[in-house]
N, C-alpha and C. Protein backbone atom coordinates (compact mmCIF):
# COMPACT_ATOMS: atom_id res chain seq x y z
N MET A 1 2.02 36.89 -10.69
CA MET A 1 1.41 35.64 -10.25
C MET A 1 2.03 34.49 -11.06
N THR A 2 2.47 33.46 -10.36
CA THR A 2 3.06 32.30 -10.99
C THR A 2 2.00 31.23 -11.17
N THR A 3 1.94 30.65 -12.35
CA THR A 3 1.03 29.54 -12.61
C THR A 3 1.83 28.26 -12.62
N TYR A 4 1.42 27.31 -11.78
CA TYR A 4 2.11 26.04 -11.69
C TYR A 4 1.38 25.00 -12.52
N ARG A 5 2.13 24.16 -13.24
CA ARG A 5 1.55 23.14 -14.10
C ARG A 5 1.68 21.74 -13.51
N LYS A 6 2.50 21.58 -12.46
CA LYS A 6 2.64 20.27 -11.85
C LYS A 6 2.87 20.43 -10.35
N GLU A 7 2.68 19.32 -9.63
CA GLU A 7 2.85 19.33 -8.19
C GLU A 7 4.32 19.48 -7.82
N SER A 8 4.53 20.19 -6.71
CA SER A 8 5.88 20.27 -6.16
C SER A 8 6.19 18.98 -5.40
N HIS A 9 7.45 18.79 -5.10
CA HIS A 9 7.85 17.61 -4.32
C HIS A 9 7.25 17.69 -2.91
N ILE A 10 7.16 18.90 -2.37
CA ILE A 10 6.58 19.09 -1.04
C ILE A 10 5.10 18.68 -1.04
N ARG A 11 4.39 19.11 -2.06
CA ARG A 11 2.97 18.76 -2.16
C ARG A 11 2.81 17.24 -2.27
N SER A 12 3.63 16.59 -3.09
CA SER A 12 3.56 15.13 -3.23
C SER A 12 3.84 14.44 -1.90
N LEU A 13 4.80 14.97 -1.14
CA LEU A 13 5.12 14.39 0.16
C LEU A 13 3.96 14.59 1.14
N LEU A 14 3.42 15.79 1.21
CA LEU A 14 2.29 16.05 2.11
C LEU A 14 1.05 15.25 1.71
N LYS A 15 0.85 15.12 0.41
CA LYS A 15 -0.26 14.31 -0.08
C LYS A 15 -0.05 12.85 0.32
N GLY A 16 1.17 12.38 0.23
CA GLY A 16 1.50 11.01 0.64
C GLY A 16 1.27 10.79 2.12
N ILE A 17 1.66 11.75 2.92
CA ILE A 17 1.47 11.63 4.38
C ILE A 17 -0.02 11.62 4.70
N SER A 18 -0.79 12.52 4.08
CA SER A 18 -2.23 12.54 4.37
C SER A 18 -2.89 11.23 3.92
N TRP A 19 -2.45 10.69 2.78
CA TRP A 19 -2.99 9.42 2.32
C TRP A 19 -2.61 8.29 3.27
N ARG A 20 -1.37 8.27 3.71
CA ARG A 20 -0.93 7.20 4.59
C ARG A 20 -1.68 7.23 5.92
N ILE A 21 -2.05 8.39 6.41
CA ILE A 21 -2.84 8.47 7.64
C ILE A 21 -4.20 7.81 7.42
N VAL A 22 -4.86 8.16 6.33
CA VAL A 22 -6.16 7.55 6.00
C VAL A 22 -6.00 6.05 5.77
N ALA A 23 -5.03 5.68 4.94
CA ALA A 23 -4.86 4.28 4.55
C ALA A 23 -4.41 3.41 5.72
N THR A 24 -3.53 3.92 6.56
CA THR A 24 -3.05 3.14 7.70
C THR A 24 -4.17 2.90 8.70
N THR A 25 -4.98 3.90 8.93
CA THR A 25 -6.15 3.73 9.81
C THR A 25 -7.05 2.64 9.26
N ASP A 26 -7.30 2.68 7.96
CA ASP A 26 -8.13 1.67 7.32
C ASP A 26 -7.49 0.28 7.44
N THR A 27 -6.20 0.20 7.21
CA THR A 27 -5.49 -1.08 7.32
C THR A 27 -5.59 -1.67 8.72
N ILE A 28 -5.34 -0.87 9.72
CA ILE A 28 -5.41 -1.35 11.11
C ILE A 28 -6.80 -1.88 11.42
N LEU A 29 -7.83 -1.15 11.01
CA LEU A 29 -9.20 -1.60 11.25
C LEU A 29 -9.52 -2.89 10.49
N ILE A 30 -9.04 -2.99 9.27
CA ILE A 30 -9.28 -4.20 8.47
C ILE A 30 -8.56 -5.40 9.09
N VAL A 31 -7.30 -5.22 9.49
CA VAL A 31 -6.55 -6.32 10.11
C VAL A 31 -7.26 -6.78 11.38
N LEU A 32 -7.71 -5.84 12.19
CA LEU A 32 -8.45 -6.21 13.40
C LEU A 32 -9.72 -6.98 13.05
N LEU A 33 -10.47 -6.50 12.09
CA LEU A 33 -11.71 -7.15 11.69
C LEU A 33 -11.45 -8.57 11.19
N ILE A 34 -10.53 -8.71 10.26
CA ILE A 34 -10.27 -10.03 9.66
C ILE A 34 -9.69 -11.00 10.68
N THR A 35 -8.71 -10.56 11.47
CA THR A 35 -8.12 -11.48 12.46
C THR A 35 -9.13 -11.86 13.54
N CYS A 36 -9.97 -10.93 13.93
CA CYS A 36 -10.99 -11.25 14.95
C CYS A 36 -12.03 -12.22 14.38
N LEU A 37 -12.43 -12.02 13.13
CA LEU A 37 -13.38 -12.94 12.50
C LEU A 37 -12.79 -14.34 12.36
N GLN A 38 -11.47 -14.43 12.27
CA GLN A 38 -10.80 -15.73 12.14
C GLN A 38 -10.42 -16.31 13.51
N GLY A 39 -10.80 -15.61 14.59
CA GLY A 39 -10.52 -16.09 15.94
C GLY A 39 -9.09 -15.87 16.39
N GLN A 40 -8.36 -14.98 15.72
CA GLN A 40 -6.97 -14.70 16.07
C GLN A 40 -6.75 -13.20 16.26
N CYS A 41 -7.69 -12.55 16.91
CA CYS A 41 -7.68 -11.10 17.09
C CYS A 41 -6.37 -10.62 17.72
N SER A 42 -5.73 -9.63 17.07
CA SER A 42 -4.46 -9.13 17.60
C SER A 42 -4.26 -7.67 17.24
N ILE A 43 -4.34 -6.82 18.26
CA ILE A 43 -4.06 -5.39 18.06
C ILE A 43 -2.58 -5.20 17.74
N ASP A 44 -1.71 -6.04 18.30
CA ASP A 44 -0.27 -5.94 18.02
C ASP A 44 0.01 -6.16 16.54
N HIS A 45 -0.58 -7.20 15.96
CA HIS A 45 -0.38 -7.46 14.53
C HIS A 45 -0.95 -6.32 13.69
N ALA A 46 -2.10 -5.83 14.06
CA ALA A 46 -2.73 -4.75 13.31
C ALA A 46 -1.84 -3.50 13.30
N ILE A 47 -1.29 -3.15 14.45
CA ILE A 47 -0.43 -1.97 14.54
C ILE A 47 0.89 -2.20 13.81
N LYS A 48 1.47 -3.40 13.93
CA LYS A 48 2.72 -3.70 13.21
C LYS A 48 2.53 -3.62 11.71
N ILE A 49 1.46 -4.22 11.22
CA ILE A 49 1.18 -4.16 9.78
C ILE A 49 0.96 -2.72 9.35
N GLY A 50 0.18 -1.97 10.11
CA GLY A 50 -0.07 -0.56 9.79
C GLY A 50 1.21 0.27 9.78
N LEU A 51 2.07 0.06 10.77
CA LEU A 51 3.31 0.82 10.86
C LEU A 51 4.26 0.50 9.71
N VAL A 52 4.43 -0.78 9.42
CA VAL A 52 5.31 -1.17 8.31
C VAL A 52 4.76 -0.63 7.00
N GLU A 53 3.45 -0.74 6.81
CA GLU A 53 2.84 -0.19 5.59
C GLU A 53 3.05 1.31 5.50
N PHE A 54 2.86 2.01 6.61
CA PHE A 54 3.01 3.46 6.58
C PHE A 54 4.39 3.83 6.05
N LEU A 55 5.40 3.22 6.61
CA LEU A 55 6.78 3.57 6.25
C LEU A 55 7.13 3.15 4.82
N LEU A 56 6.85 1.90 4.47
CA LEU A 56 7.21 1.42 3.14
C LEU A 56 6.37 2.06 2.03
N LYS A 57 5.08 2.12 2.28
CA LYS A 57 4.20 2.64 1.23
C LYS A 57 4.32 4.15 1.05
N LEU A 58 4.76 4.86 2.05
CA LEU A 58 4.96 6.31 1.87
C LEU A 58 6.02 6.54 0.79
N LEU A 59 7.09 5.80 0.84
CA LEU A 59 8.15 5.93 -0.17
C LEU A 59 7.63 5.50 -1.54
N VAL A 60 6.96 4.37 -1.61
CA VAL A 60 6.45 3.87 -2.89
C VAL A 60 5.37 4.81 -3.43
N TYR A 61 4.52 5.33 -2.55
CA TYR A 61 3.48 6.29 -2.96
C TYR A 61 4.12 7.52 -3.59
N TYR A 62 5.16 8.03 -2.97
CA TYR A 62 5.84 9.23 -3.48
C TYR A 62 6.36 8.98 -4.90
N VAL A 63 7.02 7.85 -5.10
CA VAL A 63 7.54 7.51 -6.43
C VAL A 63 6.39 7.38 -7.43
N HIS A 64 5.32 6.68 -7.03
CA HIS A 64 4.14 6.53 -7.88
C HIS A 64 3.57 7.90 -8.25
N GLU A 65 3.50 8.76 -7.29
CA GLU A 65 2.96 10.11 -7.49
C GLU A 65 3.81 10.90 -8.50
N ARG A 66 5.11 10.82 -8.36
CA ARG A 66 6.01 11.57 -9.26
C ARG A 66 5.95 11.01 -10.68
N ILE A 67 5.78 9.70 -10.82
CA ILE A 67 5.63 9.10 -12.15
C ILE A 67 4.35 9.61 -12.80
N TRP A 68 3.27 9.65 -12.04
CA TRP A 68 2.01 10.15 -12.58
C TRP A 68 2.09 11.64 -12.89
N GLN A 69 2.92 12.38 -12.18
CA GLN A 69 3.10 13.80 -12.50
C GLN A 69 3.64 13.96 -13.92
N ARG A 70 4.55 13.11 -14.29
CA ARG A 70 5.10 13.16 -15.66
C ARG A 70 4.05 12.73 -16.68
N ALA A 71 3.25 11.72 -16.34
CA ALA A 71 2.23 11.22 -17.26
C ALA A 71 1.10 12.23 -17.47
N LEU A 72 0.78 12.98 -16.44
CA LEU A 72 -0.32 13.95 -16.51
C LEU A 72 0.24 15.37 -16.57
N SER A 73 1.11 15.60 -17.51
CA SER A 73 1.86 16.87 -17.56
C SER A 73 1.06 18.06 -18.08
N ASP A 74 -0.17 17.86 -18.56
CA ASP A 74 -0.92 18.99 -19.09
C ASP A 74 -1.58 19.84 -18.01
N GLY A 75 -1.51 19.40 -16.74
CA GLY A 75 -2.05 20.19 -15.63
C GLY A 75 -3.53 19.98 -15.36
N VAL A 76 -4.22 19.21 -16.21
CA VAL A 76 -5.63 18.93 -16.03
C VAL A 76 -5.78 17.43 -15.80
N VAL A 77 -6.47 17.07 -14.71
CA VAL A 77 -6.66 15.65 -14.39
C VAL A 77 -8.14 15.34 -14.44
N THR A 78 -8.51 14.45 -15.35
CA THR A 78 -9.91 14.07 -15.50
C THR A 78 -10.26 12.97 -14.50
N LYS A 79 -11.54 12.73 -14.35
CA LYS A 79 -11.99 11.64 -13.47
C LYS A 79 -11.52 10.30 -14.01
N LYS A 80 -11.48 10.16 -15.32
CA LYS A 80 -11.00 8.93 -15.93
C LYS A 80 -9.52 8.71 -15.61
N GLU A 81 -8.71 9.75 -15.67
CA GLU A 81 -7.29 9.64 -15.33
C GLU A 81 -7.12 9.30 -13.85
N THR A 82 -7.93 9.90 -13.00
CA THR A 82 -7.89 9.58 -11.57
C THR A 82 -8.26 8.12 -11.36
N PHE A 83 -9.22 7.63 -12.11
CA PHE A 83 -9.63 6.23 -12.02
C PHE A 83 -8.46 5.31 -12.38
N PHE A 84 -7.77 5.59 -13.47
CA PHE A 84 -6.63 4.77 -13.88
C PHE A 84 -5.46 4.86 -12.90
N LYS A 85 -5.26 6.04 -12.36
CA LYS A 85 -4.21 6.21 -11.34
C LYS A 85 -4.57 5.38 -10.10
N THR A 86 -5.84 5.37 -9.75
CA THR A 86 -6.31 4.58 -8.61
C THR A 86 -6.08 3.09 -8.85
N ILE A 87 -6.38 2.62 -10.04
CA ILE A 87 -6.16 1.21 -10.37
C ILE A 87 -4.67 0.87 -10.26
N SER A 88 -3.81 1.72 -10.81
CA SER A 88 -2.37 1.42 -10.76
C SER A 88 -1.86 1.38 -9.32
N TRP A 89 -2.34 2.31 -8.50
CA TRP A 89 -1.91 2.31 -7.10
C TRP A 89 -2.44 1.10 -6.36
N ARG A 90 -3.69 0.72 -6.61
CA ARG A 90 -4.27 -0.42 -5.90
C ARG A 90 -3.53 -1.72 -6.23
N ILE A 91 -3.09 -1.88 -7.45
CA ILE A 91 -2.33 -3.08 -7.81
C ILE A 91 -1.05 -3.14 -6.98
N ILE A 92 -0.34 -2.04 -6.92
CA ILE A 92 0.91 -1.98 -6.15
C ILE A 92 0.64 -2.15 -4.66
N ALA A 93 -0.26 -1.36 -4.14
CA ALA A 93 -0.50 -1.31 -2.69
C ALA A 93 -1.13 -2.59 -2.15
N THR A 94 -2.05 -3.17 -2.89
CA THR A 94 -2.69 -4.40 -2.41
C THR A 94 -1.69 -5.56 -2.40
N THR A 95 -0.83 -5.61 -3.40
CA THR A 95 0.23 -6.62 -3.42
C THR A 95 1.15 -6.44 -2.22
N MET A 96 1.52 -5.19 -1.94
CA MET A 96 2.36 -4.93 -0.78
C MET A 96 1.66 -5.32 0.52
N THR A 97 0.37 -5.03 0.63
CA THR A 97 -0.37 -5.39 1.83
C THR A 97 -0.36 -6.89 2.06
N PHE A 98 -0.58 -7.66 1.00
CA PHE A 98 -0.55 -9.11 1.12
C PHE A 98 0.82 -9.58 1.61
N LEU A 99 1.88 -9.05 1.02
CA LEU A 99 3.24 -9.46 1.40
C LEU A 99 3.58 -9.04 2.83
N ILE A 100 3.24 -7.82 3.20
CA ILE A 100 3.52 -7.33 4.55
C ILE A 100 2.70 -8.11 5.59
N SER A 101 1.42 -8.30 5.31
CA SER A 101 0.55 -9.05 6.24
C SER A 101 1.05 -10.47 6.42
N GLY A 102 1.38 -11.12 5.32
CA GLY A 102 1.88 -12.49 5.40
C GLY A 102 3.18 -12.58 6.19
N ALA A 103 4.07 -11.61 6.00
CA ALA A 103 5.35 -11.62 6.72
C ALA A 103 5.14 -11.42 8.21
N ILE A 104 4.29 -10.49 8.59
CA ILE A 104 4.07 -10.20 10.01
C ILE A 104 3.24 -11.30 10.68
N LEU A 105 2.29 -11.87 9.95
CA LEU A 105 1.47 -12.95 10.51
C LEU A 105 2.14 -14.31 10.38
N ASN A 106 3.32 -14.34 9.77
CA ASN A 106 4.09 -15.58 9.56
C ASN A 106 3.35 -16.62 8.74
N ALA A 107 2.47 -16.17 7.86
CA ALA A 107 1.75 -17.11 6.99
C ALA A 107 1.10 -16.35 5.83
N TYR A 108 1.39 -16.81 4.64
CA TYR A 108 0.74 -16.25 3.47
C TYR A 108 -0.49 -17.12 3.19
N ASP A 109 -1.48 -17.00 4.07
CA ASP A 109 -2.66 -17.84 3.99
C ASP A 109 -3.90 -16.99 3.71
N GLU A 110 -5.06 -17.57 4.02
CA GLU A 110 -6.30 -16.87 3.73
C GLU A 110 -6.46 -15.58 4.53
N ILE A 111 -5.88 -15.49 5.71
CA ILE A 111 -6.00 -14.26 6.49
C ILE A 111 -5.30 -13.11 5.78
N ALA A 112 -4.07 -13.32 5.33
CA ALA A 112 -3.35 -12.28 4.58
C ALA A 112 -4.10 -11.94 3.30
N LEU A 113 -4.64 -12.94 2.65
CA LEU A 113 -5.40 -12.72 1.42
C LEU A 113 -6.67 -11.93 1.70
N TYR A 114 -7.40 -12.28 2.76
CA TYR A 114 -8.63 -11.56 3.11
C TYR A 114 -8.33 -10.09 3.45
N ILE A 115 -7.24 -9.87 4.15
CA ILE A 115 -6.85 -8.49 4.48
C ILE A 115 -6.62 -7.71 3.19
N ALA A 116 -5.84 -8.28 2.28
CA ALA A 116 -5.53 -7.60 1.02
C ALA A 116 -6.78 -7.38 0.17
N LEU A 117 -7.63 -8.39 0.07
CA LEU A 117 -8.83 -8.25 -0.75
C LEU A 117 -9.83 -7.26 -0.17
N THR A 118 -9.94 -7.24 1.15
CA THR A 118 -10.84 -6.28 1.79
C THR A 118 -10.36 -4.86 1.54
N GLU A 119 -9.06 -4.65 1.72
CA GLU A 119 -8.55 -3.30 1.50
C GLU A 119 -8.59 -2.90 0.02
N LEU A 120 -8.57 -3.87 -0.86
CA LEU A 120 -8.69 -3.57 -2.29
C LEU A 120 -9.94 -2.74 -2.54
N PHE A 121 -11.04 -3.13 -1.89
CA PHE A 121 -12.30 -2.44 -2.11
C PHE A 121 -12.41 -1.16 -1.28
N THR A 122 -12.07 -1.21 0.00
CA THR A 122 -12.21 0.00 0.82
C THR A 122 -11.27 1.10 0.34
N LYS A 123 -10.05 0.73 0.05
CA LYS A 123 -9.07 1.74 -0.33
C LYS A 123 -9.24 2.22 -1.76
N PHE A 124 -9.88 1.44 -2.60
CA PHE A 124 -10.15 1.92 -3.95
C PHE A 124 -11.00 3.18 -3.87
N VAL A 125 -12.05 3.11 -3.07
CA VAL A 125 -12.94 4.26 -2.90
C VAL A 125 -12.22 5.39 -2.17
N LEU A 126 -11.55 5.06 -1.07
CA LEU A 126 -10.87 6.10 -0.28
C LEU A 126 -9.78 6.81 -1.09
N TYR A 127 -9.00 6.05 -1.86
CA TYR A 127 -7.92 6.64 -2.65
C TYR A 127 -8.48 7.57 -3.72
N TYR A 128 -9.51 7.13 -4.42
CA TYR A 128 -10.13 7.95 -5.46
C TYR A 128 -10.62 9.27 -4.87
N LEU A 129 -11.32 9.20 -3.74
CA LEU A 129 -11.83 10.42 -3.09
C LEU A 129 -10.69 11.31 -2.61
N HIS A 130 -9.64 10.70 -2.07
CA HIS A 130 -8.47 11.46 -1.62
C HIS A 130 -7.84 12.20 -2.79
N GLU A 131 -7.69 11.54 -3.92
CA GLU A 131 -7.13 12.18 -5.12
C GLU A 131 -7.98 13.35 -5.57
N ARG A 132 -9.28 13.16 -5.65
CA ARG A 132 -10.18 14.23 -6.12
C ARG A 132 -10.16 15.40 -5.13
N LEU A 133 -10.08 15.10 -3.84
CA LEU A 133 -10.02 16.16 -2.84
C LEU A 133 -8.76 16.99 -3.00
N TRP A 134 -7.62 16.34 -3.20
CA TRP A 134 -6.36 17.07 -3.37
C TRP A 134 -6.37 17.91 -4.65
N LEU A 135 -7.14 17.50 -5.64
CA LEU A 135 -7.23 18.29 -6.87
C LEU A 135 -7.97 19.62 -6.66
N THR A 136 -8.71 19.72 -5.55
CA THR A 136 -9.41 20.98 -5.28
C THR A 136 -8.48 22.04 -4.71
N LEU A 137 -7.31 21.63 -4.22
CA LEU A 137 -6.33 22.58 -3.70
C LEU A 137 -5.45 23.02 -4.86
N PRO A 138 -5.54 24.29 -5.25
CA PRO A 138 -4.79 24.75 -6.43
C PRO A 138 -3.28 24.53 -6.28
N LEU A 139 -2.66 24.15 -7.40
CA LEU A 139 -1.21 23.98 -7.42
C LEU A 139 -0.53 25.29 -7.05
N GLY A 140 0.52 25.21 -6.30
CA GLY A 140 1.27 26.39 -5.90
C GLY A 140 0.89 26.92 -4.53
N LYS A 141 -0.28 26.57 -4.02
CA LYS A 141 -0.73 27.08 -2.72
C LYS A 141 0.24 26.69 -1.60
N ILE A 142 0.66 25.43 -1.57
CA ILE A 142 1.58 24.97 -0.54
C ILE A 142 2.94 25.63 -0.73
N ARG A 143 3.41 25.67 -1.97
CA ARG A 143 4.69 26.32 -2.28
C ARG A 143 4.67 27.78 -1.83
N ASN A 144 3.59 28.47 -2.18
CA ASN A 144 3.49 29.89 -1.82
C ASN A 144 3.42 30.08 -0.32
N TYR A 145 2.72 29.20 0.37
CA TYR A 145 2.61 29.30 1.81
C TYR A 145 3.96 29.06 2.48
N ILE A 146 4.66 28.01 2.07
CA ILE A 146 5.94 27.66 2.68
C ILE A 146 7.01 28.69 2.37
N PHE A 147 7.04 29.17 1.13
CA PHE A 147 8.10 30.09 0.74
C PHE A 147 7.69 31.57 0.79
N GLY A 148 6.47 31.82 1.30
CA GLY A 148 6.03 33.18 1.56
C GLY A 148 5.72 34.01 0.34
N LYS A 149 5.39 33.40 -0.77
CA LYS A 149 5.07 34.15 -1.98
C LYS A 149 3.61 34.58 -1.91
N LYS A 150 3.35 35.78 -2.36
CA LYS A 150 1.97 36.31 -2.39
C LYS A 150 1.47 36.28 -3.82
N ASN A 151 0.17 35.95 -3.99
CA ASN A 151 -0.42 35.96 -5.34
C ASN A 151 -0.87 37.34 -5.70
């Protein structure tokens, strides 16, 4: 039986994809809510922002994840460490959301700011829960499944 001490690249990628599905859904709903409240409701803008975020943030998420793998090299992740990881990701991701929203909406105004600030709170909770959920899946399970290793 092999004991793994850190996430594989495959696990980080799959974790990133699962997070982007959750986060992109949240982003699209937030963009719709904020733009509709401002009288500029646009499903097209919501989908464009969500799609651009999905693609760009998946890459950035993966890099963020691999950096944290080095920082948390002891194989045990506490709730406090998850909290700090969540804060670091929210700083990066919320900034990106503001920039992406402003670019697609052609204005870095209160609408882009409201979108970013709203997601700051919704995604803080969602990201933390997503991290804790992934910690319940033992390291090596995905590797063993993909490469056919038996425990």
